[in-house]
Amino acid sequence: YQGSEQEASGLQFDLDLDPALVRWSIVAGDSPRGAGKSLFVRRLGMNRARVLVVGMNRAGIGTGPVADLFLVAPAEGVSRDYAVRLSNAVATDEEGRLLPMASEDGVVSVSAGAEPSRLQIDGVRNAASLISRGVSPGEIVTLLGAGIGPETAQVPAQGGGSQTLGDTLVRFDGIPAPLLYVSLDQVNLVVPYALAGRARTLVEVNRGGRVVASASVPVGAARPALFTLSGGGWGAAAALNENGELNTEENPARRGTIAVLFGTGGGVTNPQGVDGQIASSVLARPAAPVRVFVGGQEGEVLYAGAAPGMIAGLLQVNVR
């Protein structure tokens, strides 16, 4: 999105994809996230979707990527272009008035002679925010790729994580990662804590005893993000009120009470995190300080650490 003479606060467009494309998914880009906007996608058919960017504020969307589109092309062994069409583009200003908006169609070009890329660096994303800027030790991560998992989605039978699931194994610099969910084009896992202090790591997806996808990504000390009710990194936080009820617009937290937030990407812990361990009597806490701001004001953090009964890497924060 390149903006206009007057900055848009809301945006809507229809996306039509070439019927030959096998699968596709859309996640929010940098510009709506930075503006505090939510991205909604409604499928209008197998290869058509309506995308809406809107928020409960008057901020402009700004310029930059509105959405990241992941496409899976058939392995037919020929070079060809796949059409991507944009239509019905509508923008509104902060008062809801229509703004001039234009759109252009495009293509995705596939070369039969190129080595197929099943996993790209942009496909390695924080599972809470779905932002792709590297990984951190103990972070819950989502891998988005082509044919990186089994045809039928699977989760560990006993809860927690499993190093091998659906004949799928993921290693970071040769270290197996606990798997939480595997499917044909998505794998959720926990990054090994042993990556602490490294600058980069090689992610390798192994299926049936051979590496089918790999990508080199940067490693950071921490990449904190909160889980949301949408499951897509935008909108309201997946939080509990002081009485244990789900926090919603209809059931808000009262001033002065405690809210419980859930996130990941807190980095190394004390005591040291153990890959795949379920938090029980000893609750590991992030080695780095945790601060929470609510409406621009700093809240009182009463607890920040492992979520009892949940896998290492899930961060619970109790804040007043």
C-alpha atoms as a PDB file:
ATOM      1  CA  TYR A   1       0.000   0.000   0.000  1.00  0.00           C
ATOM      2  CA  GLN A   2       1.578   3.289  -1.156  1.00  0.00           C
ATOM      3  CA  GLY A   3      -0.878   5.652   0.535  1.00  0.00           C
ATOM      4  CA  SER A   4      -2.579   8.661  -1.049  1.00  0.00           C
ATOM      5  CA  GLU A   5      -2.614  12.440  -0.667  1.00  0.00           C
ATOM      6  CA  GLN A   6      -4.762  11.899   2.411  1.00  0.00           C
ATOM      7  CA  GLU A   7      -3.769   8.950   4.579  1.00  0.00           C
ATOM      8  CA  ALA A   8      -6.244   6.088   4.763  1.00  0.00           C
ATOM      9  CA  SER A   9      -7.533   4.829   8.097  1.00  0.00           C
ATOM     10  CA  GLY A  10      -9.458   1.881   6.646  1.00  0.00           C
ATOM     11  CA  LEU A  11      -8.929  -0.307   3.597  1.00  0.00           C
ATOM     12  CA  GLN A  12     -10.818  -3.059   1.788  1.00  0.00           C
ATOM     13  CA  PHE A  13     -10.115  -5.028  -1.400  1.00  0.00           C
ATOM     14  CA  ASP A  14     -10.970  -8.304  -3.098  1.00  0.00           C
ATOM     15  CA  LEU A  15      -8.259 -10.775  -4.059  1.00  0.00           C
ATOM     16  CA  ASP A  16      -8.716 -13.266  -6.906  1.00  0.00           C
ATOM     17  CA  LEU A  17      -6.052 -15.931  -7.405  1.00  0.00           C
ATOM     18  CA  ASP A  18      -5.305 -18.198 -10.350  1.00  0.00           C
ATOM     19  CA  PRO A  19      -7.447 -21.374 -10.000  1.00  0.00           C
ATOM     20  CA  ALA A  20      -4.333 -23.450 -10.724  1.00  0.00           C
ATOM     21  CA  LEU A  21      -2.797 -22.455  -7.389  1.00  0.00           C
ATOM     22  CA  VAL A  22      -3.158 -25.250  -4.856  1.00  0.00           C
ATOM     23  CA  ARG A  23      -3.336 -23.503  -1.469  1.00  0.00           C
ATOM     24  CA  TRP A  24      -2.942 -20.024  -0.078  1.00  0.00           C
ATOM     25  CA  SER A  25      -3.093 -18.086   3.189  1.00  0.00           C
ATOM     26  CA  ILE A  26      -2.982 -14.411   4.196  1.00  0.00           C
ATOM     27  CA  VAL A  27      -1.526 -12.836   7.348  1.00  0.00           C
ATOM     28  CA  ALA A  28      -1.310  -9.188   8.415  1.00  0.00           C
ATOM     29  CA  GLY A  29       1.632  -7.138   7.154  1.00  0.00           C
ATOM     30  CA  ASP A  30       3.707  -4.476   8.877  1.00  0.00           C
ATOM     31  CA  SER A  31       1.581  -1.402   8.120  1.00  0.00           C
ATOM     32  CA  PRO A  32      -1.679  -2.452   9.855  1.00  0.00           C
ATOM     33  CA  ARG A  33       0.237  -3.871  12.815  1.00  0.00           C
ATOM     34  CA  GLY A  34       2.135  -0.615  13.286  1.00  0.00           C
ATOM     35  CA  ALA A  35      -1.091   1.379  13.117  1.00  0.00           C
ATOM     36  CA  GLY A  36      -2.947  -0.771  15.638  1.00  0.00           C
ATOM     37  CA  LYS A  37      -5.305  -2.101  12.967  1.00  0.00           C
ATOM     38  CA  SER A  38      -6.839  -5.537  12.540  1.00  0.00           C
ATOM     39  CA  LEU A  39      -6.822  -7.533   9.311  1.00  0.00           C
ATOM     40  CA  PHE A  40      -9.882  -9.649   8.550  1.00  0.00           C
ATOM     41  CA  VAL A  41     -10.087 -12.162   5.697  1.00  0.00           C
ATOM     42  CA  ARG A  42     -13.346 -13.619   4.417  1.00  0.00           C
ATOM     43  CA  ARG A  43     -13.109 -16.372   1.821  1.00  0.00           C
ATOM     44  CA  LEU A  44     -15.617 -15.804  -0.973  1.00  0.00           C
ATOM     45  CA  GLY A  45     -14.669 -19.004  -2.790  1.00  0.00           C
ATOM     46  CA  MET A  46     -11.831 -21.457  -3.329  1.00  0.00           C
ATOM     47  CA  ASN A  47      -9.600 -18.788  -4.880  1.00  0.00           C
ATOM     48  CA  ARG A  48     -11.230 -15.530  -3.856  1.00  0.00           C
ATOM     49  CA  ALA A  49     -11.113 -13.523  -0.651  1.00  0.00           C
ATOM     50  CA  ARG A  50     -12.178 -10.140   0.713  1.00  0.00           C
ATOM     51  CA  VAL A  51      -9.579  -8.396   2.878  1.00  0.00           C
ATOM     52  CA  LEU A  52     -10.547  -5.684   5.375  1.00  0.00           C
ATOM     53  CA  VAL A  53      -8.143  -3.530   7.389  1.00  0.00           C
ATOM     54  CA  VAL A  54      -9.844  -1.581  10.174  1.00  0.00           C
ATOM     55  CA  GLY A  55      -9.250  -0.572  13.785  1.00  0.00           C
ATOM     56  CA  MET A  56     -10.853   1.060  16.798  1.00  0.00           C
ATOM     57  CA  ASN A  57      -8.728   4.177  16.320  1.00  0.00           C
ATOM     58  CA  ARG A  58      -8.346   7.115  13.944  1.00  0.00           C
ATOM     59  CA  ALA A  59      -4.720   6.398  13.055  1.00  0.00           C
ATOM     60  CA  GLY A  60      -3.647   6.182   9.436  1.00  0.00           C
ATOM     61  CA  ILE A  61      -2.498   2.852   8.066  1.00  0.00           C
ATOM     62  CA  GLY A  62       0.710   4.347   6.686  1.00  0.00           C
ATOM     63  CA  THR A  63       2.686   2.899   3.814  1.00  0.00           C
ATOM     64  CA  GLY A  64       4.112  -0.588   3.519  1.00  0.00           C
ATOM     65  CA  PRO A  65       2.861  -4.171   3.213  1.00  0.00           C
ATOM     66  CA  VAL A  66      -0.772  -4.571   4.236  1.00  0.00           C
ATOM     67  CA  ALA A  67      -0.740  -8.366   4.047  1.00  0.00           C
ATOM     68  CA  ASP A  68       1.654 -11.220   3.365  1.00  0.00           C
ATOM     69  CA  LEU A  69       0.282 -13.745   0.891  1.00  0.00           C
ATOM     70  CA  PHE A  70       1.584 -17.323   0.941  1.00  0.00           C
ATOM     71  CA  LEU A  71       0.933 -19.326  -2.224  1.00  0.00           C
ATOM     72  CA  VAL A  72       1.543 -22.984  -3.032  1.00  0.00           C
ATOM     73  CA  ALA A  73       1.855 -23.779  -6.741  1.00  0.00           C
ATOM     74  CA  PRO A  74       1.426 -27.307  -8.144  1.00  0.00           C
ATOM     75  CA  ALA A  75       4.598 -29.294  -8.778  1.00  0.00           C
ATOM     76  CA  GLU A  76       3.915 -29.690 -12.488  1.00  0.00           C
ATOM     77  CA  GLY A  77       7.481 -29.106 -13.706  1.00  0.00           C
ATOM     78  CA  VAL A  78       6.707 -26.287 -16.161  1.00  0.00           C
ATOM     79  CA  SER A  79       7.446 -22.565 -16.160  1.00  0.00           C
ATOM     80  CA  ARG A  80       4.371 -20.361 -16.019  1.00  0.00           C
ATOM     81  CA  ASP A  81       2.782 -17.250 -14.519  1.00  0.00           C
ATOM     82  CA  TYR A  82      -0.087 -17.376 -12.044  1.00  0.00           C
ATOM     83  CA  ALA A  83      -2.490 -14.417 -12.090  1.00  0.00           C
ATOM     84  CA  VAL A  84      -3.172 -12.371  -8.953  1.00  0.00           C
ATOM     85  CA  ARG A  85      -6.020  -9.876  -9.362  1.00  0.00           C
ATOM     86  CA  LEU A  86      -7.050  -7.038  -7.045  1.00  0.00           C
ATOM     87  CA  SER A  87     -10.476  -5.443  -7.350  1.00  0.00           C
ATOM     88  CA  ASN A  88     -13.091  -3.432  -5.445  1.00  0.00           C
ATOM     89  CA  ALA A  89     -10.379  -1.486  -3.626  1.00  0.00           C
ATOM     90  CA  VAL A  90     -11.917   1.037  -1.206  1.00  0.00           C
ATOM     91  CA  ALA A  91     -10.159   3.331   1.270  1.00  0.00           C
ATOM     92  CA  THR A  92     -11.605   5.623   3.958  1.00  0.00           C
ATOM     93  CA  ASP A  93     -10.155   8.472   5.978  1.00  0.00           C
ATOM     94  CA  GLU A  94     -10.334   8.877   9.758  1.00  0.00           C
ATOM     95  CA  GLU A  95     -13.917  10.160   9.460  1.00  0.00           C
ATOM     96  CA  GLY A  96     -15.026   7.238   7.295  1.00  0.00           C
ATOM     97  CA  ARG A  97     -15.127   9.284   4.095  1.00  0.00           C
ATOM     98  CA  LEU A  98     -14.136   7.572   0.847  1.00  0.00           C
ATOM     99  CA  LEU A  99     -10.667   8.263  -0.550  1.00  0.00           C
ATOM    100  CA  PRO A 100      -9.428   7.769  -4.131  1.00  0.00           C
ATOM    101  CA  MET A 101      -7.967   4.291  -4.495  1.00  0.00           C
ATOM    102  CA  ALA A 102      -6.523   2.345  -7.416  1.00  0.00           C
ATOM    103  CA  SER A 103      -5.293  -1.222  -7.703  1.00  0.00           C
ATOM    104  CA  GLU A 104      -3.158  -3.208 -10.117  1.00  0.00           C
ATOM    105  CA  ASP A 105      -3.160  -6.888 -11.026  1.00  0.00           C
ATOM    106  CA  GLY A 106       0.015  -8.941 -10.842  1.00  0.00           C
ATOM    107  CA  VAL A 107       1.504 -12.348 -11.444  1.00  0.00           C
ATOM    108  CA  VAL A 108       3.515 -14.937  -9.566  1.00  0.00           C
ATOM    109  CA  SER A 109       6.188 -16.386 -11.860  1.00  0.00           C
ATOM    110  CA  VAL A 110       7.368 -19.958 -11.358  1.00  0.00           C
ATOM    111  CA  SER A 111      10.469 -21.297 -13.104  1.00  0.00           C
ATOM    112  CA  ALA A 112      10.585 -25.037 -13.694  1.00  0.00           C
ATOM    113  CA  GLY A 113      14.384 -25.028 -13.671  1.00  0.00           C
ATOM    114  CA  ALA A 114      14.656 -23.424 -10.217  1.00  0.00           C
ATOM    115  CA  GLU A 115      15.170 -25.408  -7.038  1.00  0.00           C
ATOM    116  CA  PRO A 116      11.805 -25.464  -5.245  1.00  0.00           C
ATOM    117  CA  SER A 117      11.728 -23.479  -2.011  1.00  0.00           C
ATOM    118  CA  ARG A 118       9.476 -25.150   0.541  1.00  0.00           C
ATOM    119  CA  LEU A 119      10.411 -22.821   3.397  1.00  0.00           C
ATOM    120  CA  GLN A 120      11.567 -19.206   3.248  1.00  0.00           C
ATOM    121  CA  ILE A 121      12.852 -16.934   5.999  1.00  0.00           C
ATOM    122  CA  ASP A 122       9.539 -15.006   5.856  1.00  0.00           C
ATOM    123  CA  GLY A 123       7.776 -18.274   6.626  1.00  0.00           C
ATOM    124  CA  VAL A 124       9.403 -18.563  10.074  1.00  0.00           C
ATOM    125  CA  ARG A 125       7.097 -16.551  12.321  1.00  0.00           C
ATOM    126  CA  ASN A 126       6.353 -15.883  15.985  1.00  0.00           C
ATOM    127  CA  ALA A 127       3.281 -18.010  16.736  1.00  0.00           C
ATOM    128  CA  ALA A 128       1.617 -15.200  18.705  1.00  0.00           C
ATOM    129  CA  SER A 129       2.263 -12.178  16.471  1.00  0.00           C
ATOM    130  CA  LEU A 130       2.910 -13.992  13.154  1.00  0.00           C
ATOM    131  CA  ILE A 131       5.804 -11.568  12.604  1.00  0.00           C
ATOM    132  CA  SER A 132       8.857 -12.936  10.791  1.00  0.00           C
ATOM    133  CA  ARG A 133      11.988 -11.296  12.185  1.00  0.00           C
ATOM    134  CA  GLY A 134      13.986 -14.243  13.417  1.00  0.00           C
ATOM    135  CA  VAL A 135      13.655 -16.483  16.464  1.00  0.00           C
ATOM    136  CA  SER A 136      14.663 -16.493  20.137  1.00  0.00           C
ATOM    137  CA  PRO A 137      15.403 -19.339  22.586  1.00  0.00           C
ATOM    138  CA  GLY A 138      12.211 -20.977  23.868  1.00  0.00           C
ATOM    139  CA  GLU A 139       9.981 -19.068  21.455  1.00  0.00           C
ATOM    140  CA  ILE A 140       6.850 -20.755  20.113  1.00  0.00           C
ATOM    141  CA  VAL A 141       7.157 -20.472  16.345  1.00  0.00           C
ATOM    142  CA  THR A 142       4.962 -21.160  13.316  1.00  0.00           C
ATOM    143  CA  LEU A 143       6.555 -22.416  10.093  1.00  0.00           C
ATOM    144  CA  LEU A 144       4.580 -21.662   6.913  1.00  0.00           C
ATOM    145  CA  GLY A 145       5.749 -23.562   3.839  1.00  0.00           C
ATOM    146  CA  ALA A 146       4.828 -25.971   1.072  1.00  0.00           C
ATOM    147  CA  GLY A 147       4.611 -29.678   1.869  1.00  0.00           C
ATOM    148  CA  ILE A 148       6.552 -29.405   5.118  1.00  0.00           C
ATOM    149  CA  GLY A 149       4.276 -31.712   7.092  1.00  0.00           C
ATOM    150  CA  PRO A 150       1.865 -34.636   6.736  1.00  0.00           C
ATOM    151  CA  GLU A 151      -1.331 -34.576   4.662  1.00  0.00           C
ATOM    152  CA  THR A 152      -3.405 -34.998   7.833  1.00  0.00           C
ATOM    153  CA  ALA A 153      -2.889 -32.500  10.672  1.00  0.00           C
ATOM    154  CA  GLN A 154      -1.606 -33.981  13.928  1.00  0.00           C
ATOM    155  CA  VAL A 155      -0.924 -32.893  17.518  1.00  0.00           C
ATOM    156  CA  PRO A 156       0.969 -34.767  20.271  1.00  0.00           C
ATOM    157  CA  ALA A 157      -1.173 -37.471  21.884  1.00  0.00           C
ATOM    158  CA  GLN A 158      -0.159 -36.614  25.459  1.00  0.00           C
ATOM    159  CA  GLY A 159      -0.061 -32.838  25.173  1.00  0.00           C
ATOM    160  CA  GLY A 160       3.170 -30.915  25.454  1.00  0.00           C
ATOM    161  CA  GLY A 161       5.609 -31.407  22.601  1.00  0.00           C
ATOM    162  CA  SER A 162       7.023 -34.315  20.631  1.00  0.00           C
ATOM    163  CA  GLN A 163      10.315 -34.390  18.714  1.00  0.00           C
ATOM    164  CA  THR A 164       8.744 -36.488  15.946  1.00  0.00           C
ATOM    165  CA  LEU A 165       5.152 -36.039  14.848  1.00  0.00           C
ATOM    166  CA  GLY A 166       3.512 -37.255  11.666  1.00  0.00           C
ATOM    167  CA  ASP A 167       6.891 -38.510  10.384  1.00  0.00           C
ATOM    168  CA  THR A 168       8.096 -34.894  10.702  1.00  0.00           C
ATOM    169  CA  LEU A 169      11.180 -33.697  12.572  1.00  0.00           C
ATOM    170  CA  VAL A 170      12.478 -30.106  12.787  1.00  0.00           C
ATOM    171  CA  ARG A 171      16.049 -29.286  13.845  1.00  0.00           C
ATOM    172  CA  PHE A 172      17.735 -25.980  14.657  1.00  0.00           C
ATOM    173  CA  ASP A 173      21.482 -26.346  14.030  1.00  0.00           C
ATOM    174  CA  GLY A 174      20.935 -30.077  14.431  1.00  0.00           C
ATOM    175  CA  ILE A 175      18.985 -29.740  17.718  1.00  0.00           C
ATOM    176  CA  PRO A 176      15.466 -31.280  17.617  1.00  0.00           C
ATOM    177  CA  ALA A 177      12.615 -28.919  18.498  1.00  0.00           C
ATOM    178  CA  PRO A 178       9.444 -29.943  20.396  1.00  0.00           C
ATOM    179  CA  LEU A 179       6.587 -30.082  17.876  1.00  0.00           C
ATOM    180  CA  LEU A 180       3.129 -28.835  18.877  1.00  0.00           C
ATOM    181  CA  TYR A 181       1.254 -29.169  15.570  1.00  0.00           C
ATOM    182  CA  VAL A 182       2.067 -30.443  12.083  1.00  0.00           C
ATOM    183  CA  SER A 183       0.115 -30.206   8.828  1.00  0.00           C
ATOM    184  CA  LEU A 184       0.861 -30.087   5.121  1.00  0.00           C
ATOM    185  CA  ASP A 185       1.792 -26.385   5.032  1.00  0.00           C
ATOM    186  CA  GLN A 186       2.220 -25.427   8.707  1.00  0.00           C
ATOM    187  CA  VAL A 187       4.290 -26.619  11.659  1.00  0.00           C
ATOM    188  CA  ASN A 188       4.142 -25.157  15.177  1.00  0.00           C
ATOM    189  CA  LEU A 189       7.087 -25.799  17.506  1.00  0.00           C
ATOM    190  CA  VAL A 190       9.226 -24.463  20.350  1.00  0.00           C
ATOM    191  CA  VAL A 191      12.711 -23.172  19.489  1.00  0.00           C
ATOM    192  CA  PRO A 192      15.436 -25.006  21.493  1.00  0.00           C
ATOM    193  CA  TYR A 193      16.856 -23.050  24.440  1.00  0.00           C
ATOM    194  CA  ALA A 194      20.371 -24.109  23.387  1.00  0.00           C
ATOM    195  CA  LEU A 195      20.324 -21.393  20.685  1.00  0.00           C
ATOM    196  CA  ALA A 196      21.017 -18.728  23.324  1.00  0.00           C
ATOM    197  CA  GLY A 197      23.954 -16.557  22.310  1.00  0.00           C
ATOM    198  CA  ARG A 198      23.967 -17.565  18.638  1.00  0.00           C
ATOM    199  CA  ALA A 199      23.605 -15.004  15.846  1.00  0.00           C
ATOM    200  CA  ARG A 200      21.880 -17.253  13.297  1.00  0.00           C
ATOM    201  CA  THR A 201      20.457 -20.750  13.080  1.00  0.00           C
ATOM    202  CA  LEU A 202      19.695 -23.204  10.297  1.00  0.00           C
ATOM    203  CA  VAL A 203      16.120 -24.518  10.438  1.00  0.00           C
ATOM    204  CA  GLU A 204      15.736 -27.922   8.751  1.00  0.00           C
ATOM    205  CA  VAL A 205      12.452 -29.782   8.259  1.00  0.00           C
ATOM    206  CA  ASN A 206      12.944 -33.536   7.976  1.00  0.00           C
ATOM    207  CA  ARG A 207      10.232 -35.818   6.586  1.00  0.00           C
ATOM    208  CA  GLY A 208      10.587 -39.524   6.029  1.00  0.00           C
ATOM    209  CA  GLY A 209      14.272 -39.433   6.921  1.00  0.00           C
ATOM    210  CA  ARG A 210      15.318 -36.648   4.531  1.00  0.00           C
ATOM    211  CA  VAL A 211      15.498 -32.861   4.683  1.00  0.00           C
ATOM    212  CA  VAL A 212      12.638 -31.388   2.622  1.00  0.00           C
ATOM    213  CA  ALA A 213      12.986 -27.710   3.606  1.00  0.00           C
ATOM    214  CA  SER A 214      15.489 -25.402   5.238  1.00  0.00           C
ATOM    215  CA  ALA A 215      16.079 -21.726   5.964  1.00  0.00           C
ATOM    216  CA  SER A 216      18.716 -19.681   7.805  1.00  0.00           C
ATOM    217  CA  VAL A 217      17.221 -17.151  10.245  1.00  0.00           C
ATOM    218  CA  PRO A 218      18.663 -14.672  12.769  1.00  0.00           C
ATOM    219  CA  VAL A 219      18.540 -15.407  16.499  1.00  0.00           C
ATOM    220  CA  GLY A 220      17.709 -12.692  19.035  1.00  0.00           C
ATOM    221  CA  ALA A 221      17.815 -12.642  22.823  1.00  0.00           C
ATOM    222  CA  ALA A 222      14.026 -12.190  23.058  1.00  0.00           C
ATOM    223  CA  ARG A 223      11.048 -11.557  20.740  1.00  0.00           C
ATOM    224  CA  PRO A 224       8.079 -11.002  23.043  1.00  0.00           C
ATOM    225  CA  ALA A 225       4.554 -11.123  21.636  1.00  0.00           C
ATOM    226  CA  LEU A 226       1.085 -11.673  23.084  1.00  0.00           C
ATOM    227  CA  PHE A 227      -1.404 -14.243  21.868  1.00  0.00           C
ATOM    228  CA  THR A 228      -4.663 -12.762  20.583  1.00  0.00           C
ATOM    229  CA  LEU A 229      -8.239 -13.962  20.373  1.00  0.00           C
ATOM    230  CA  SER A 230      -8.029 -13.837  16.588  1.00  0.00           C
ATOM    231  CA  GLY A 231      -5.095 -16.242  16.550  1.00  0.00           C
ATOM    232  CA  GLY A 232      -3.508 -14.046  13.898  1.00  0.00           C
ATOM    233  CA  GLY A 233      -1.487 -11.577  15.967  1.00  0.00           C
ATOM    234  CA  TRP A 234      -4.023  -8.740  15.713  1.00  0.00           C
ATOM    235  CA  GLY A 235      -6.999  -7.549  17.727  1.00  0.00           C
ATOM    236  CA  ALA A 236      -7.808  -8.171  21.370  1.00  0.00           C
ATOM    237  CA  ALA A 237      -5.375 -10.065  23.582  1.00  0.00           C
ATOM    238  CA  ALA A 238      -6.246 -13.594  24.711  1.00  0.00           C
ATOM    239  CA  ALA A 239      -6.437 -12.522  28.372  1.00  0.00           C
ATOM    240  CA  LEU A 240      -8.217 -13.557  31.551  1.00  0.00           C
ATOM    241  CA  ASN A 241      -9.785 -11.252  34.087  1.00  0.00           C
ATOM    242  CA  GLU A 242      -9.038 -11.497  37.803  1.00  0.00           C
ATOM    243  CA  ASN A 243     -11.981 -13.900  38.310  1.00  0.00           C
ATOM    244  CA  GLY A 244     -10.633 -16.260  35.622  1.00  0.00           C
ATOM    245  CA  GLU A 245     -13.206 -15.282  32.995  1.00  0.00           C
ATOM    246  CA  LEU A 246     -12.205 -14.438  29.432  1.00  0.00           C
ATOM    247  CA  ASN A 247     -11.536 -10.737  28.891  1.00  0.00           C
ATOM    248  CA  THR A 248     -13.795  -9.318  26.138  1.00  0.00           C
ATOM    249  CA  GLU A 249     -15.434  -6.047  25.143  1.00  0.00           C
ATOM    250  CA  GLU A 250     -18.548  -7.230  26.978  1.00  0.00           C
ATOM    251  CA  ASN A 251     -16.548  -8.497  29.972  1.00  0.00           C
ATOM    252  CA  PRO A 252     -13.703  -5.989  30.505  1.00  0.00           C
ATOM    253  CA  ALA A 253     -11.172  -5.859  33.326  1.00  0.00           C
ATOM    254  CA  ARG A 254     -12.045  -3.245  35.951  1.00  0.00           C
ATOM    255  CA  ARG A 255      -9.464  -0.623  36.838  1.00  0.00           C
ATOM    256  CA  GLY A 256      -7.163  -1.777  39.639  1.00  0.00           C
ATOM    257  CA  THR A 257      -7.800  -5.485  39.047  1.00  0.00           C
ATOM    258  CA  ILE A 258      -5.383  -8.093  37.691  1.00  0.00           C
ATOM    259  CA  ALA A 259      -5.347  -9.265  34.086  1.00  0.00           C
ATOM    260  CA  VAL A 260      -3.579 -12.445  32.981  1.00  0.00           C
ATOM    261  CA  LEU A 261      -1.802 -12.261  29.605  1.00  0.00           C
ATOM    262  CA  PHE A 262      -0.212 -15.064  27.601  1.00  0.00           C
ATOM    263  CA  GLY A 263       2.695 -14.718  25.208  1.00  0.00           C
ATOM    264  CA  THR A 264       5.951 -16.176  24.021  1.00  0.00           C
ATOM    265  CA  GLY A 265       9.419 -15.056  22.996  1.00  0.00           C
ATOM    266  CA  GLY A 266      10.638 -14.144  26.483  1.00  0.00           C
ATOM    267  CA  GLY A 267      14.127 -15.579  25.843  1.00  0.00           C
ATOM    268  CA  VAL A 268      16.321 -17.491  28.275  1.00  0.00           C
ATOM    269  CA  THR A 269      14.934 -18.228  31.727  1.00  0.00           C
ATOM    270  CA  ASN A 270      16.020 -18.765  35.311  1.00  0.00           C
ATOM    271  CA  PRO A 271      16.264 -21.649  36.034  1.00  0.00           C
ATOM    272  CA  GLN A 272      17.329 -22.589  32.527  1.00  0.00           C
ATOM    273  CA  GLY A 273      14.458 -23.721  30.332  1.00  0.00           C
ATOM    274  CA  VAL A 274      14.210 -27.379  29.338  1.00  0.00           C
ATOM    275  CA  ASP A 275      12.927 -28.150  25.829  1.00  0.00           C
ATOM    276  CA  GLY A 276       9.468 -29.704  25.916  1.00  0.00           C
ATOM    277  CA  GLN A 277       9.142 -29.627  29.710  1.00  0.00           C
ATOM    278  CA  ILE A 278       5.725 -29.007  31.274  1.00  0.00           C
ATOM    279  CA  ALA A 279       5.803 -26.322  33.968  1.00  0.00           C
ATOM    280  CA  SER A 280       4.980 -27.766  37.394  1.00  0.00           C
ATOM    281  CA  SER A 281       6.359 -26.947  40.851  1.00  0.00           C
ATOM    282  CA  VAL A 282       9.398 -24.966  39.644  1.00  0.00           C
ATOM    283  CA  LEU A 283       8.274 -22.059  37.440  1.00  0.00           C
ATOM    284  CA  ALA A 284      11.025 -20.625  35.258  1.00  0.00           C
ATOM    285  CA  ARG A 285      11.067 -16.845  34.813  1.00  0.00           C
ATOM    286  CA  PRO A 286      12.592 -14.747  32.025  1.00  0.00           C
ATOM    287  CA  ALA A 287      16.157 -13.677  32.795  1.00  0.00           C
ATOM    288  CA  ALA A 288      15.400 -10.264  31.272  1.00  0.00           C
ATOM    289  CA  PRO A 289      13.063  -7.809  33.055  1.00  0.00           C
ATOM    290  CA  VAL A 290       9.414  -7.779  31.951  1.00  0.00           C
ATOM    291  CA  ARG A 291       7.449  -4.533  31.728  1.00  0.00           C
ATOM    292  CA  VAL A 292       3.841  -4.068  30.633  1.00  0.00           C
ATOM    293  CA  PHE A 293       2.199  -0.880  29.382  1.00  0.00           C
ATOM    294  CA  VAL A 294      -1.582  -0.528  29.302  1.00  0.00           C
ATOM    295  CA  GLY A 295      -2.923   2.438  27.370  1.00  0.00           C
ATOM    296  CA  GLY A 296       0.543   3.998  27.519  1.00  0.00           C
ATOM    297  CA  GLN A 297       0.777   3.681  31.313  1.00  0.00           C
ATOM    298  CA  GLU A 298       3.053   1.149  32.981  1.00  0.00           C
ATOM    299  CA  GLY A 299       1.232  -1.541  34.890  1.00  0.00           C
ATOM    300  CA  GLU A 300       2.327  -3.403  38.014  1.00  0.00           C
ATOM    301  CA  VAL A 301       3.716  -6.814  36.988  1.00  0.00           C
ATOM    302  CA  LEU A 302       2.899  -9.262  39.771  1.00  0.00           C
ATOM    303  CA  TYR A 303       4.196 -12.359  37.981  1.00  0.00           C
ATOM    304  CA  ALA A 304       5.969 -13.116  34.720  1.00  0.00           C
ATOM    305  CA  GLY A 305       7.080 -16.649  33.999  1.00  0.00           C
ATOM    306  CA  ALA A 306       6.080 -20.127  32.935  1.00  0.00           C
ATOM    307  CA  ALA A 307       2.363 -20.904  32.683  1.00  0.00           C
ATOM    308  CA  PRO A 308       1.614 -23.736  35.161  1.00  0.00           C
ATOM    309  CA  GLY A 309       0.723 -26.984  33.421  1.00  0.00           C
ATOM    310  CA  MET A 310       1.823 -25.698  30.014  1.00  0.00           C
ATOM    311  CA  ILE A 311       4.882 -26.317  27.863  1.00  0.00           C
ATOM    312  CA  ALA A 312       8.103 -24.349  28.400  1.00  0.00           C
ATOM    313  CA  GLY A 313       8.082 -21.348  26.080  1.00  0.00           C
ATOM    314  CA  LEU A 314       4.546 -20.178  26.927  1.00  0.00           C
ATOM    315  CA  LEU A 315       4.854 -17.001  28.998  1.00  0.00           C
ATOM    316  CA  GLN A 316       2.231 -15.934  31.534  1.00  0.00           C
ATOM    317  CA  VAL A 317       2.128 -12.350  32.784  1.00  0.00           C
ATOM    318  CA  ASN A 318      -0.129 -11.169  35.635  1.00  0.00           C
ATOM    319  CA  VAL A 319      -0.426  -7.381  35.592  1.00  0.00           C
ATOM    320  CA  ARG A 320      -2.479  -4.856  37.563  1.00  0.00           C
END
